[in-house]
N, C-alpha and C. Protein backbone atom coordinates (compact mmCIF):
# COMPACT_ATOMS: atom_id res chain seq x y z
N UNK A 1 10.15 -63.01 12.95
CA UNK A 1 9.23 -62.39 11.99
C UNK A 1 7.98 -61.86 12.70
N UNK A 2 7.47 -62.68 13.65
CA UNK A 2 6.29 -62.26 14.39
C UNK A 2 6.59 -61.04 15.25
N UNK A 3 7.82 -61.05 15.84
CA UNK A 3 8.20 -59.90 16.68
C UNK A 3 8.29 -58.62 15.85
N UNK A 4 8.83 -58.76 14.64
CA UNK A 4 8.96 -57.59 13.76
C UNK A 4 7.59 -57.05 13.37
N UNK A 5 6.65 -57.97 13.05
CA UNK A 5 5.30 -57.57 12.68
C UNK A 5 4.59 -56.90 13.84
N UNK A 6 4.78 -57.46 15.04
CA UNK A 6 4.16 -56.90 16.23
C UNK A 6 4.70 -55.50 16.52
N UNK A 7 6.03 -55.37 16.38
CA UNK A 7 6.65 -54.07 16.61
C UNK A 7 6.13 -53.03 15.62
N UNK A 8 5.95 -53.46 14.37
CA UNK A 8 5.44 -52.55 13.36
C UNK A 8 4.03 -52.10 13.66
N UNK A 9 3.20 -53.06 14.13
CA UNK A 9 1.83 -52.69 14.49
C UNK A 9 1.78 -51.73 15.66
N UNK A 10 2.68 -51.92 16.63
CA UNK A 10 2.74 -51.03 17.78
C UNK A 10 3.14 -49.62 17.35
N UNK A 11 4.16 -49.55 16.48
CA UNK A 11 4.60 -48.23 15.99
C UNK A 11 3.50 -47.54 15.20
N UNK A 12 2.77 -48.32 14.38
CA UNK A 12 1.68 -47.75 13.59
C UNK A 12 0.58 -47.23 14.49
N UNK A 13 0.28 -47.99 15.56
CA UNK A 13 -0.75 -47.56 16.50
C UNK A 13 -0.33 -46.28 17.21
N UNK A 14 0.95 -46.16 17.56
CA UNK A 14 1.45 -44.96 18.23
C UNK A 14 1.38 -43.75 17.30
N UNK A 15 1.69 -43.98 16.03
CA UNK A 15 1.63 -42.87 15.06
C UNK A 15 0.21 -42.37 14.91
N UNK A 16 -0.75 -43.31 14.81
CA UNK A 16 -2.15 -42.94 14.63
C UNK A 16 -2.66 -42.18 15.85
N UNK A 17 -2.28 -42.65 17.05
CA UNK A 17 -2.76 -42.02 18.28
C UNK A 17 -2.16 -40.63 18.47
N UNK A 18 -1.01 -40.41 17.81
CA UNK A 18 -0.32 -39.12 17.99
C UNK A 18 -0.78 -38.08 16.98
N UNK A 19 -1.80 -38.39 16.18
CA UNK A 19 -2.25 -37.46 15.17
C UNK A 19 -3.64 -36.91 15.49
N UNK A 20 -4.12 -35.99 14.64
CA UNK A 20 -5.41 -35.35 14.84
C UNK A 20 -6.51 -36.10 14.10
N UNK A 21 -7.73 -35.92 14.56
CA UNK A 21 -8.86 -36.61 13.94
C UNK A 21 -9.95 -35.60 13.59
N UNK A 22 -10.37 -35.62 12.34
CA UNK A 22 -11.50 -34.80 11.89
C UNK A 22 -12.76 -35.65 11.91
N UNK A 23 -13.76 -35.22 12.67
CA UNK A 23 -15.03 -35.92 12.75
C UNK A 23 -16.06 -35.15 11.92
N UNK A 24 -16.44 -35.70 10.79
CA UNK A 24 -17.35 -35.01 9.89
C UNK A 24 -18.80 -35.19 10.32
N UNK A 25 -19.66 -34.32 9.83
CA UNK A 25 -21.07 -34.37 10.19
C UNK A 25 -21.77 -35.60 9.60
N UNK A 26 -21.18 -36.19 8.58
CA UNK A 26 -21.75 -37.40 8.00
C UNK A 26 -21.23 -38.66 8.69
N UNK A 27 -20.66 -38.47 9.91
CA UNK A 27 -20.12 -39.54 10.79
C UNK A 27 -18.78 -40.10 10.32
N UNK A 28 -18.26 -39.61 9.21
CA UNK A 28 -16.95 -40.07 8.76
C UNK A 28 -15.85 -39.49 9.64
N UNK A 29 -14.81 -40.27 9.89
CA UNK A 29 -13.66 -39.82 10.68
C UNK A 29 -12.41 -39.96 9.83
N UNK A 30 -11.54 -38.97 9.96
CA UNK A 30 -10.32 -38.96 9.16
C UNK A 30 -9.14 -38.57 10.04
N UNK A 31 -8.14 -39.47 10.14
CA UNK A 31 -6.93 -39.21 10.92
C UNK A 31 -5.94 -38.47 10.03
N UNK A 32 -5.53 -37.28 10.46
CA UNK A 32 -4.72 -36.42 9.60
C UNK A 32 -3.68 -35.65 10.42
N UNK A 33 -2.85 -34.89 9.70
CA UNK A 33 -1.97 -33.89 10.30
C UNK A 33 -2.59 -32.52 10.06
N UNK A 34 -3.19 -31.91 11.06
CA UNK A 34 -3.79 -30.58 10.89
C UNK A 34 -2.68 -29.54 10.85
N UNK A 35 -2.68 -28.71 9.81
CA UNK A 35 -1.65 -27.70 9.62
C UNK A 35 -2.12 -26.29 9.94
N UNK A 36 -3.39 -26.02 9.67
CA UNK A 36 -3.88 -24.65 9.90
C UNK A 36 -5.40 -24.66 10.02
N UNK A 37 -5.91 -23.84 10.95
CA UNK A 37 -7.34 -23.71 11.14
C UNK A 37 -7.70 -22.23 11.08
N UNK A 38 -8.57 -21.86 10.15
CA UNK A 38 -9.03 -20.48 10.03
C UNK A 38 -10.48 -20.40 10.46
N UNK A 39 -11.10 -19.25 10.26
CA UNK A 39 -12.50 -19.07 10.66
C UNK A 39 -13.46 -19.88 9.79
N UNK A 40 -13.04 -20.21 8.57
CA UNK A 40 -13.96 -20.88 7.65
C UNK A 40 -13.48 -22.23 7.15
N UNK A 41 -12.20 -22.57 7.35
CA UNK A 41 -11.71 -23.82 6.78
C UNK A 41 -10.59 -24.43 7.60
N UNK A 42 -10.31 -25.71 7.32
CA UNK A 42 -9.23 -26.46 7.99
C UNK A 42 -8.30 -27.01 6.91
N UNK A 43 -7.01 -26.77 7.08
CA UNK A 43 -6.01 -27.28 6.14
C UNK A 43 -5.28 -28.44 6.80
N UNK A 44 -5.12 -29.53 6.06
CA UNK A 44 -4.48 -30.71 6.65
C UNK A 44 -3.73 -31.51 5.59
N UNK A 45 -2.91 -32.45 6.07
CA UNK A 45 -2.22 -33.40 5.20
C UNK A 45 -2.61 -34.81 5.62
N UNK A 46 -2.71 -35.66 4.65
CA UNK A 46 -3.11 -37.03 4.94
C UNK A 46 -2.03 -37.75 5.74
N UNK A 47 -2.47 -38.70 6.57
CA UNK A 47 -1.56 -39.44 7.43
C UNK A 47 -0.53 -40.21 6.61
N UNK A 48 -0.99 -40.78 5.50
CA UNK A 48 -0.08 -41.59 4.68
C UNK A 48 0.78 -40.74 3.75
N UNK A 49 0.50 -39.43 3.67
CA UNK A 49 1.29 -38.53 2.81
C UNK A 49 1.67 -37.28 3.58
N UNK A 50 2.50 -37.42 4.62
CA UNK A 50 2.86 -36.26 5.45
C UNK A 50 3.61 -35.18 4.68
N UNK A 51 4.28 -35.57 3.61
CA UNK A 51 5.01 -34.60 2.79
C UNK A 51 4.28 -34.33 1.48
N UNK A 52 3.02 -34.79 1.41
CA UNK A 52 2.26 -34.63 0.18
C UNK A 52 1.52 -33.31 0.11
N UNK A 53 0.51 -33.26 -0.74
CA UNK A 53 -0.23 -32.00 -0.96
C UNK A 53 -1.07 -31.61 0.26
N UNK A 54 -1.38 -30.32 0.33
CA UNK A 54 -2.22 -29.79 1.40
C UNK A 54 -3.69 -29.91 0.97
N UNK A 55 -4.52 -30.40 1.88
CA UNK A 55 -5.95 -30.52 1.60
C UNK A 55 -6.71 -29.47 2.42
N UNK A 56 -7.83 -29.03 1.88
CA UNK A 56 -8.64 -28.00 2.55
C UNK A 56 -10.08 -28.48 2.63
N UNK A 57 -10.69 -28.34 3.81
CA UNK A 57 -12.08 -28.71 3.99
C UNK A 57 -12.81 -27.57 4.68
N UNK A 58 -14.04 -27.34 4.27
CA UNK A 58 -14.84 -26.27 4.87
C UNK A 58 -15.27 -26.65 6.27
N UNK A 59 -15.21 -25.69 7.19
CA UNK A 59 -15.58 -25.96 8.58
C UNK A 59 -17.03 -26.40 8.72
N UNK A 60 -17.88 -25.96 7.80
CA UNK A 60 -19.29 -26.30 7.90
C UNK A 60 -19.53 -27.80 7.74
N UNK A 61 -18.54 -28.55 7.22
CA UNK A 61 -18.69 -29.98 7.03
C UNK A 61 -18.19 -30.78 8.23
N UNK A 62 -17.55 -30.08 9.20
CA UNK A 62 -16.93 -30.76 10.33
C UNK A 62 -17.77 -30.56 11.58
N UNK A 63 -17.96 -31.65 12.31
CA UNK A 63 -18.70 -31.57 13.57
C UNK A 63 -17.77 -31.37 14.76
N UNK A 64 -16.60 -32.03 14.72
CA UNK A 64 -15.69 -31.97 15.86
C UNK A 64 -14.27 -32.26 15.41
N UNK A 65 -13.31 -31.68 16.13
CA UNK A 65 -11.90 -31.96 15.89
C UNK A 65 -11.30 -32.52 17.17
N UNK A 66 -10.67 -33.68 17.07
CA UNK A 66 -9.99 -34.28 18.21
C UNK A 66 -8.49 -34.18 17.97
N UNK A 67 -7.80 -33.42 18.81
CA UNK A 67 -6.37 -33.20 18.64
C UNK A 67 -5.57 -34.35 19.24
N UNK A 68 -4.28 -34.40 18.87
CA UNK A 68 -3.44 -35.53 19.28
C UNK A 68 -3.21 -35.59 20.79
N UNK A 69 -3.42 -34.48 21.49
CA UNK A 69 -3.27 -34.49 22.96
C UNK A 69 -4.54 -34.91 23.67
N UNK A 70 -5.58 -35.27 22.89
CA UNK A 70 -6.82 -35.72 23.48
C UNK A 70 -7.88 -34.65 23.60
N UNK A 71 -7.51 -33.40 23.41
CA UNK A 71 -8.48 -32.30 23.52
C UNK A 71 -9.38 -32.30 22.29
N UNK A 72 -10.67 -32.14 22.51
CA UNK A 72 -11.63 -32.10 21.40
C UNK A 72 -12.30 -30.74 21.34
N UNK A 73 -12.65 -30.33 20.15
CA UNK A 73 -13.26 -29.03 19.93
C UNK A 73 -14.45 -29.18 18.99
N UNK A 74 -15.59 -28.70 19.45
CA UNK A 74 -16.80 -28.72 18.60
C UNK A 74 -16.77 -27.52 17.67
N UNK A 75 -16.96 -27.77 16.40
CA UNK A 75 -16.90 -26.71 15.39
C UNK A 75 -18.27 -26.07 15.26
N UNK A 76 -18.32 -24.75 15.42
CA UNK A 76 -19.57 -24.01 15.30
C UNK A 76 -19.70 -23.43 13.91
N UNK A 77 -20.93 -23.21 13.52
CA UNK A 77 -21.20 -22.60 12.22
C UNK A 77 -20.72 -21.16 12.22
N UNK A 78 -19.95 -20.76 11.23
CA UNK A 78 -19.47 -19.39 11.12
C UNK A 78 -20.61 -18.44 10.86
N UNK A 79 -21.60 -18.90 10.09
CA UNK A 79 -22.73 -18.03 9.75
C UNK A 79 -23.54 -17.66 10.97
N UNK A 80 -23.59 -18.57 11.97
CA UNK A 80 -24.36 -18.28 13.17
C UNK A 80 -23.75 -17.14 13.94
N UNK A 81 -22.40 -17.18 14.10
CA UNK A 81 -21.74 -16.12 14.85
C UNK A 81 -21.83 -14.80 14.12
N UNK A 82 -21.81 -14.88 12.76
CA UNK A 82 -21.93 -13.65 11.97
C UNK A 82 -23.29 -13.02 12.16
N UNK A 83 -24.35 -13.87 12.17
CA UNK A 83 -25.69 -13.35 12.35
C UNK A 83 -25.88 -12.72 13.72
N UNK A 84 -25.28 -13.34 14.74
CA UNK A 84 -25.38 -12.79 16.08
C UNK A 84 -24.73 -11.43 16.15
N UNK A 85 -23.57 -11.30 15.48
CA UNK A 85 -22.86 -10.02 15.50
C UNK A 85 -23.68 -8.93 14.84
N UNK A 86 -24.39 -9.31 13.75
CA UNK A 86 -25.21 -8.32 13.06
C UNK A 86 -26.40 -7.94 13.90
N UNK A 87 -27.03 -8.94 14.56
CA UNK A 87 -28.20 -8.66 15.38
C UNK A 87 -27.88 -7.78 16.57
N UNK A 88 -26.62 -7.85 17.05
CA UNK A 88 -26.24 -7.07 18.22
C UNK A 88 -25.80 -5.65 17.88
N UNK A 89 -25.77 -5.30 16.60
CA UNK A 89 -25.36 -3.96 16.23
C UNK A 89 -26.43 -2.96 16.64
N UNK A 90 -26.03 -1.75 17.08
CA UNK A 90 -27.01 -0.74 17.49
C UNK A 90 -27.83 -0.26 16.32
N UNK A 91 -29.05 0.15 16.59
CA UNK A 91 -29.94 0.65 15.55
C UNK A 91 -30.30 2.10 15.82
N UNK A 92 -30.40 2.87 14.75
CA UNK A 92 -30.77 4.28 14.86
C UNK A 92 -32.07 4.48 14.11
N UNK A 93 -33.08 5.03 14.81
CA UNK A 93 -34.39 5.27 14.21
C UNK A 93 -34.99 4.00 13.61
N UNK A 94 -34.67 2.85 14.21
CA UNK A 94 -35.24 1.59 13.77
C UNK A 94 -34.68 1.08 12.45
N UNK A 95 -33.64 1.70 11.93
CA UNK A 95 -33.08 1.29 10.65
C UNK A 95 -31.65 0.82 10.87
N UNK A 96 -31.44 -0.50 10.87
CA UNK A 96 -30.11 -1.03 11.16
C UNK A 96 -29.11 -0.70 10.07
N UNK A 97 -29.60 -0.46 8.83
CA UNK A 97 -28.69 -0.14 7.74
C UNK A 97 -28.05 1.23 7.93
N UNK A 98 -28.74 2.12 8.69
CA UNK A 98 -28.22 3.45 8.93
C UNK A 98 -27.60 3.58 10.32
N UNK A 99 -27.42 2.43 10.98
CA UNK A 99 -26.90 2.47 12.35
C UNK A 99 -25.48 3.03 12.36
N UNK A 100 -24.71 2.64 11.37
CA UNK A 100 -23.34 3.11 11.28
C UNK A 100 -23.21 3.98 10.03
N UNK A 101 -22.61 5.13 10.15
CA UNK A 101 -22.44 6.00 8.99
C UNK A 101 -21.04 6.56 8.98
N UNK A 102 -20.62 6.99 7.82
CA UNK A 102 -19.27 7.51 7.64
C UNK A 102 -19.17 8.92 8.18
N UNK A 103 -18.32 9.13 9.16
CA UNK A 103 -18.12 10.48 9.68
C UNK A 103 -17.33 11.31 8.67
N UNK A 104 -17.50 12.63 8.77
CA UNK A 104 -16.85 13.51 7.81
C UNK A 104 -15.70 14.26 8.48
N UNK A 105 -14.88 14.88 7.66
CA UNK A 105 -13.76 15.68 8.15
C UNK A 105 -13.92 17.13 7.68
N UNK A 106 -13.02 17.98 8.11
CA UNK A 106 -13.06 19.39 7.73
C UNK A 106 -12.96 19.54 6.21
N UNK A 107 -12.13 18.71 5.57
CA UNK A 107 -11.94 18.80 4.13
C UNK A 107 -13.22 18.49 3.36
N UNK A 108 -14.08 17.65 3.93
CA UNK A 108 -15.34 17.31 3.26
C UNK A 108 -16.26 18.51 3.12
N UNK A 109 -16.11 19.50 3.99
CA UNK A 109 -16.99 20.69 3.94
C UNK A 109 -16.62 21.63 2.80
N UNK A 110 -15.52 21.37 2.12
CA UNK A 110 -15.10 22.22 1.01
C UNK A 110 -15.69 21.76 -0.32
N UNK A 111 -16.54 20.76 -0.28
CA UNK A 111 -17.19 20.28 -1.50
C UNK A 111 -18.19 21.31 -2.02
N UNK A 112 -18.62 21.10 -3.24
CA UNK A 112 -19.68 21.94 -3.80
C UNK A 112 -20.96 21.75 -3.00
N UNK A 113 -21.81 22.75 -3.02
CA UNK A 113 -23.05 22.69 -2.22
C UNK A 113 -23.89 21.48 -2.57
N UNK A 114 -24.00 21.15 -3.87
CA UNK A 114 -24.81 20.00 -4.29
C UNK A 114 -24.25 18.70 -3.69
N UNK A 115 -22.92 18.56 -3.68
CA UNK A 115 -22.31 17.36 -3.11
C UNK A 115 -22.51 17.31 -1.61
N UNK A 116 -22.46 18.46 -0.97
CA UNK A 116 -22.64 18.53 0.48
C UNK A 116 -24.09 18.20 0.84
N UNK A 117 -25.03 18.63 0.03
CA UNK A 117 -26.45 18.32 0.27
C UNK A 117 -26.69 16.81 0.15
N UNK A 118 -26.04 16.18 -0.84
CA UNK A 118 -26.18 14.72 -0.99
C UNK A 118 -25.59 14.01 0.22
N UNK A 119 -24.50 14.53 0.75
CA UNK A 119 -23.89 13.95 1.94
C UNK A 119 -24.83 14.07 3.14
N UNK A 120 -25.51 15.21 3.23
CA UNK A 120 -26.45 15.43 4.33
C UNK A 120 -27.64 14.48 4.22
N UNK A 121 -28.08 14.21 3.01
CA UNK A 121 -29.23 13.33 2.81
C UNK A 121 -28.95 11.90 3.26
N UNK A 122 -27.66 11.54 3.42
CA UNK A 122 -27.28 10.20 3.86
C UNK A 122 -27.16 10.10 5.37
N UNK A 123 -27.34 11.23 6.07
CA UNK A 123 -27.21 11.20 7.53
C UNK A 123 -28.32 10.35 8.14
N UNK A 124 -27.97 9.46 9.09
CA UNK A 124 -28.98 8.55 9.65
C UNK A 124 -30.04 9.24 10.50
N UNK A 125 -29.74 10.44 11.00
CA UNK A 125 -30.71 11.17 11.82
C UNK A 125 -31.42 12.20 10.96
N UNK A 126 -32.65 11.87 10.57
CA UNK A 126 -33.40 12.76 9.68
C UNK A 126 -33.71 14.10 10.33
N UNK A 127 -33.77 14.15 11.64
CA UNK A 127 -34.08 15.40 12.34
C UNK A 127 -32.96 16.43 12.20
N UNK A 128 -31.76 15.96 11.93
CA UNK A 128 -30.62 16.87 11.79
C UNK A 128 -30.49 17.44 10.39
N UNK A 129 -31.08 16.79 9.44
CA UNK A 129 -30.86 17.16 8.04
C UNK A 129 -31.26 18.60 7.70
N UNK A 130 -32.41 19.12 8.17
CA UNK A 130 -32.75 20.52 7.85
C UNK A 130 -31.72 21.52 8.37
N UNK A 131 -31.27 21.33 9.62
CA UNK A 131 -30.29 22.25 10.19
C UNK A 131 -28.95 22.14 9.46
N UNK A 132 -28.56 20.92 9.11
CA UNK A 132 -27.32 20.73 8.36
C UNK A 132 -27.41 21.40 6.99
N UNK A 133 -28.57 21.35 6.38
CA UNK A 133 -28.77 21.99 5.08
C UNK A 133 -28.63 23.51 5.19
N UNK A 134 -29.21 24.10 6.23
CA UNK A 134 -29.08 25.54 6.45
C UNK A 134 -27.63 25.94 6.69
N UNK A 135 -26.94 25.13 7.45
CA UNK A 135 -25.53 25.40 7.72
C UNK A 135 -24.70 25.32 6.44
N UNK A 136 -25.02 24.35 5.58
CA UNK A 136 -24.29 24.20 4.32
C UNK A 136 -24.51 25.42 3.42
N UNK A 137 -25.73 25.91 3.35
CA UNK A 137 -26.03 27.09 2.52
C UNK A 137 -25.37 28.35 3.09
N UNK A 138 -25.32 28.44 4.41
CA UNK A 138 -24.65 29.57 5.04
C UNK A 138 -23.15 29.56 4.72
N UNK A 139 -22.56 28.37 4.75
CA UNK A 139 -21.13 28.26 4.41
C UNK A 139 -20.89 28.63 2.95
N UNK A 140 -21.84 28.26 2.10
CA UNK A 140 -21.70 28.59 0.69
C UNK A 140 -21.73 30.10 0.48
N UNK A 141 -22.64 30.80 1.19
CA UNK A 141 -22.71 32.27 1.06
C UNK A 141 -21.42 32.92 1.54
N UNK A 142 -20.91 32.44 2.66
CA UNK A 142 -19.66 32.99 3.18
C UNK A 142 -18.51 32.75 2.21
N UNK A 143 -18.50 31.58 1.60
CA UNK A 143 -17.44 31.26 0.64
C UNK A 143 -17.50 32.20 -0.57
N UNK A 144 -18.73 32.49 -1.02
CA UNK A 144 -18.91 33.39 -2.16
C UNK A 144 -18.44 34.81 -1.81
N UNK A 145 -18.81 35.30 -0.62
CA UNK A 145 -18.38 36.64 -0.19
C UNK A 145 -16.86 36.70 -0.01
N UNK A 146 -16.30 35.65 0.55
CA UNK A 146 -14.85 35.64 0.73
C UNK A 146 -14.12 35.71 -0.61
N UNK A 147 -14.59 34.91 -1.57
CA UNK A 147 -13.95 34.91 -2.89
C UNK A 147 -14.11 36.27 -3.58
N UNK A 148 -15.28 36.90 -3.39
CA UNK A 148 -15.51 38.20 -4.01
C UNK A 148 -14.61 39.29 -3.44
N UNK A 149 -14.52 39.34 -2.12
CA UNK A 149 -13.66 40.36 -1.48
C UNK A 149 -12.19 40.09 -1.77
N UNK A 150 -11.84 38.83 -1.85
CA UNK A 150 -10.44 38.51 -2.17
C UNK A 150 -10.09 38.97 -3.58
N UNK A 151 -11.00 38.73 -4.52
CA UNK A 151 -10.77 39.17 -5.90
C UNK A 151 -10.68 40.70 -5.97
N UNK A 152 -11.58 41.38 -5.24
CA UNK A 152 -11.55 42.85 -5.22
C UNK A 152 -10.25 43.37 -4.63
N UNK A 153 -9.78 42.72 -3.57
CA UNK A 153 -8.52 43.14 -2.95
C UNK A 153 -7.35 43.00 -3.93
N UNK A 154 -7.36 41.91 -4.70
CA UNK A 154 -6.28 41.70 -5.67
C UNK A 154 -6.33 42.75 -6.78
N UNK A 155 -7.54 43.04 -7.27
CA UNK A 155 -7.68 44.02 -8.37
C UNK A 155 -7.28 45.42 -7.90
N UNK A 156 -7.85 45.87 -6.78
CA UNK A 156 -7.53 47.21 -6.29
C UNK A 156 -6.06 47.32 -5.88
N UNK A 157 -5.55 46.25 -5.30
CA UNK A 157 -4.13 46.27 -4.93
C UNK A 157 -3.23 46.38 -6.14
N UNK A 158 -3.61 45.68 -7.22
CA UNK A 158 -2.81 45.74 -8.45
C UNK A 158 -2.85 47.14 -9.07
N UNK A 159 -4.04 47.75 -9.06
CA UNK A 159 -4.17 49.12 -9.59
C UNK A 159 -3.35 50.10 -8.76
N UNK A 160 -3.43 49.94 -7.46
CA UNK A 160 -2.67 50.82 -6.58
C UNK A 160 -1.17 50.66 -6.80
N UNK A 161 -0.72 49.42 -6.98
CA UNK A 161 0.71 49.18 -7.20
C UNK A 161 1.16 49.79 -8.53
N UNK A 162 0.32 49.59 -9.58
CA UNK A 162 0.68 50.15 -10.90
C UNK A 162 0.69 51.67 -10.85
N UNK A 163 -0.31 52.26 -10.14
CA UNK A 163 -0.36 53.71 -10.04
C UNK A 163 0.82 54.27 -9.26
N UNK A 164 1.21 53.59 -8.21
CA UNK A 164 2.36 54.02 -7.41
C UNK A 164 3.64 53.96 -8.24
N UNK A 165 3.80 52.86 -9.02
CA UNK A 165 4.97 52.70 -9.86
C UNK A 165 5.04 53.81 -10.91
N UNK A 166 3.88 54.09 -11.55
CA UNK A 166 3.83 55.14 -12.58
C UNK A 166 4.14 56.51 -11.98
N UNK A 167 3.59 56.77 -10.80
CA UNK A 167 3.84 58.05 -10.13
C UNK A 167 5.31 58.19 -9.77
N UNK A 168 5.92 57.11 -9.33
CA UNK A 168 7.34 57.15 -8.95
C UNK A 168 8.21 57.43 -10.17
N UNK A 169 7.86 56.82 -11.30
CA UNK A 169 8.65 57.01 -12.53
C UNK A 169 8.53 58.44 -13.02
N UNK A 170 7.31 58.97 -13.05
CA UNK A 170 7.11 60.33 -13.53
C UNK A 170 7.71 61.35 -12.56
N UNK A 171 7.67 61.03 -11.26
CA UNK A 171 8.27 61.93 -10.28
C UNK A 171 9.78 61.99 -10.46
N UNK A 172 10.38 60.84 -10.75
CA UNK A 172 11.83 60.81 -10.97
C UNK A 172 12.22 61.60 -12.21
N UNK A 173 11.30 61.64 -13.18
CA UNK A 173 11.58 62.41 -14.40
C UNK A 173 11.25 63.88 -14.23
N UNK A 174 10.66 64.24 -13.09
CA UNK A 174 10.33 65.63 -12.79
C UNK A 174 9.11 66.14 -13.50
N UNK A 175 8.27 65.24 -14.02
CA UNK A 175 7.09 65.68 -14.77
C UNK A 175 5.78 65.20 -14.14
N UNK A 176 5.82 64.84 -12.88
CA UNK A 176 4.62 64.31 -12.24
C UNK A 176 3.90 65.39 -11.47
N UNK A 177 2.58 65.32 -11.53
CA UNK A 177 1.73 66.23 -10.79
C UNK A 177 1.32 65.54 -9.49
N UNK A 178 1.41 66.21 -8.33
CA UNK A 178 1.04 65.58 -7.05
C UNK A 178 -0.39 65.02 -7.02
N UNK A 179 -1.24 65.53 -7.90
CA UNK A 179 -2.62 65.04 -7.90
C UNK A 179 -2.70 63.57 -8.31
N UNK A 180 -1.67 63.09 -9.07
CA UNK A 180 -1.66 61.69 -9.51
C UNK A 180 -1.33 60.72 -8.38
N UNK A 181 -0.98 61.23 -7.23
CA UNK A 181 -0.71 60.36 -6.08
C UNK A 181 -2.02 59.91 -5.43
N UNK A 182 -3.11 60.60 -5.72
CA UNK A 182 -4.40 60.27 -5.08
C UNK A 182 -4.94 58.89 -5.49
N UNK A 183 -4.97 58.55 -6.80
CA UNK A 183 -5.53 57.24 -7.19
C UNK A 183 -4.84 56.05 -6.52
N UNK A 184 -3.49 56.00 -6.47
CA UNK A 184 -2.88 54.85 -5.79
C UNK A 184 -3.28 54.76 -4.32
N UNK A 185 -3.40 55.92 -3.68
CA UNK A 185 -3.79 55.92 -2.27
C UNK A 185 -5.22 55.40 -2.11
N UNK A 186 -6.10 55.89 -2.98
CA UNK A 186 -7.52 55.48 -2.90
C UNK A 186 -7.67 53.99 -3.17
N UNK A 187 -7.08 53.53 -4.30
CA UNK A 187 -7.20 52.11 -4.65
C UNK A 187 -6.46 51.22 -3.65
N UNK A 188 -5.35 51.71 -3.13
CA UNK A 188 -4.63 50.96 -2.12
C UNK A 188 -5.45 50.78 -0.85
N UNK A 189 -6.16 51.87 -0.48
CA UNK A 189 -7.01 51.79 0.71
C UNK A 189 -8.16 50.82 0.50
N UNK A 190 -8.77 50.87 -0.69
CA UNK A 190 -9.86 49.94 -1.01
C UNK A 190 -9.36 48.49 -0.99
N UNK A 191 -8.19 48.28 -1.56
CA UNK A 191 -7.61 46.93 -1.56
C UNK A 191 -7.36 46.42 -0.16
N UNK A 192 -6.88 47.31 0.71
CA UNK A 192 -6.60 46.93 2.10
C UNK A 192 -7.89 46.59 2.84
N UNK A 193 -8.93 47.41 2.61
CA UNK A 193 -10.22 47.16 3.26
C UNK A 193 -10.82 45.83 2.82
N UNK A 194 -10.80 45.60 1.50
CA UNK A 194 -11.38 44.36 0.99
C UNK A 194 -10.55 43.14 1.39
N UNK A 195 -9.24 43.32 1.46
CA UNK A 195 -8.38 42.22 1.91
C UNK A 195 -8.66 41.86 3.36
N UNK A 196 -8.83 42.89 4.20
CA UNK A 196 -9.16 42.65 5.61
C UNK A 196 -10.52 41.96 5.75
N UNK A 197 -11.49 42.42 4.93
CA UNK A 197 -12.82 41.80 4.96
C UNK A 197 -12.75 40.33 4.54
N UNK A 198 -11.93 40.06 3.53
CA UNK A 198 -11.78 38.68 3.06
C UNK A 198 -11.20 37.79 4.15
N UNK A 199 -10.24 38.30 4.90
CA UNK A 199 -9.63 37.52 5.98
C UNK A 199 -10.66 37.24 7.08
N UNK A 200 -11.43 38.25 7.45
CA UNK A 200 -12.43 38.09 8.50
C UNK A 200 -13.51 37.07 8.09
N UNK A 201 -13.94 37.17 6.83
CA UNK A 201 -14.95 36.22 6.34
C UNK A 201 -14.38 34.80 6.32
N UNK A 202 -13.11 34.67 5.94
CA UNK A 202 -12.47 33.36 5.88
C UNK A 202 -12.40 32.72 7.27
N UNK A 203 -12.06 33.53 8.28
CA UNK A 203 -12.00 33.02 9.65
C UNK A 203 -13.38 32.58 10.14
N UNK A 204 -14.39 33.38 9.77
CA UNK A 204 -15.77 33.02 10.13
C UNK A 204 -16.20 31.73 9.44
N UNK A 205 -15.80 31.58 8.19
CA UNK A 205 -16.13 30.37 7.42
C UNK A 205 -15.48 29.14 8.04
N UNK A 206 -14.25 29.27 8.50
CA UNK A 206 -13.57 28.14 9.14
C UNK A 206 -14.32 27.69 10.39
N UNK A 207 -14.80 28.63 11.18
CA UNK A 207 -15.55 28.28 12.38
C UNK A 207 -16.86 27.59 12.02
N UNK A 208 -17.53 28.09 10.97
CA UNK A 208 -18.78 27.48 10.53
C UNK A 208 -18.56 26.05 10.07
N UNK A 209 -17.45 25.82 9.38
CA UNK A 209 -17.15 24.48 8.90
C UNK A 209 -16.87 23.52 10.06
N UNK A 210 -16.16 24.01 11.07
CA UNK A 210 -15.90 23.18 12.25
C UNK A 210 -17.20 22.83 12.97
N UNK A 211 -18.09 23.82 13.08
CA UNK A 211 -19.38 23.57 13.72
C UNK A 211 -20.19 22.54 12.93
N UNK A 212 -20.11 22.64 11.61
CA UNK A 212 -20.84 21.69 10.76
C UNK A 212 -20.32 20.28 10.98
N UNK A 213 -19.01 20.12 10.99
CA UNK A 213 -18.40 18.78 11.18
C UNK A 213 -18.80 18.20 12.54
N UNK A 214 -18.71 19.02 13.57
CA UNK A 214 -19.07 18.53 14.92
C UNK A 214 -20.53 18.13 15.01
N UNK A 215 -21.39 18.96 14.43
CA UNK A 215 -22.83 18.68 14.48
C UNK A 215 -23.18 17.43 13.67
N UNK A 216 -22.52 17.26 12.54
CA UNK A 216 -22.77 16.11 11.66
C UNK A 216 -22.33 14.82 12.35
N UNK A 217 -21.17 14.86 13.00
CA UNK A 217 -20.58 13.64 13.58
C UNK A 217 -21.12 13.27 14.95
N UNK A 218 -21.92 14.15 15.57
CA UNK A 218 -22.44 13.85 16.90
C UNK A 218 -23.37 12.64 16.88
């Protein structure tokens, strides 16, 4: 009987030594099975309930963890490391809140002028804002001219097409006067000129938008 009791105590001692120990800041120690350690908490199971429920404790309550292989780890405050990371962030114009800003893309330049101006007002470099505002207004003017010439090209082109069709029909019927060929030619020429102008303005606008994005993101 004594041998059995002694053997049981030896086995119990081996089991305890083979497990992990949580050392709390209030000097309490708890022998457990550690299952998972994250940045903010430790998940474990009790020694007497290895198949029981999972327990969770906040890292801020733990001073040290001693693992079953003898290795010990001092638990640091998560808030301290977070504060250090924030303090080490670069600052622009002495304002850490504006140190990092959202860069824009080409698609962002297609917004309405009012929305683009609000975007410019959020830029962390105040010295760039006036130039960005001028660039935004210039893009707006180009966009207006492009839309105007494009609309003119469509209208004149449509008139020229209708006039050509009407002239062809009357010519086939043998009742057309050659003088009626002039309007389609004139309107067709105007449509071609305005269409070409619209394309040139559009290409210029694309370059302006690229310059705006590069200047904003620098």
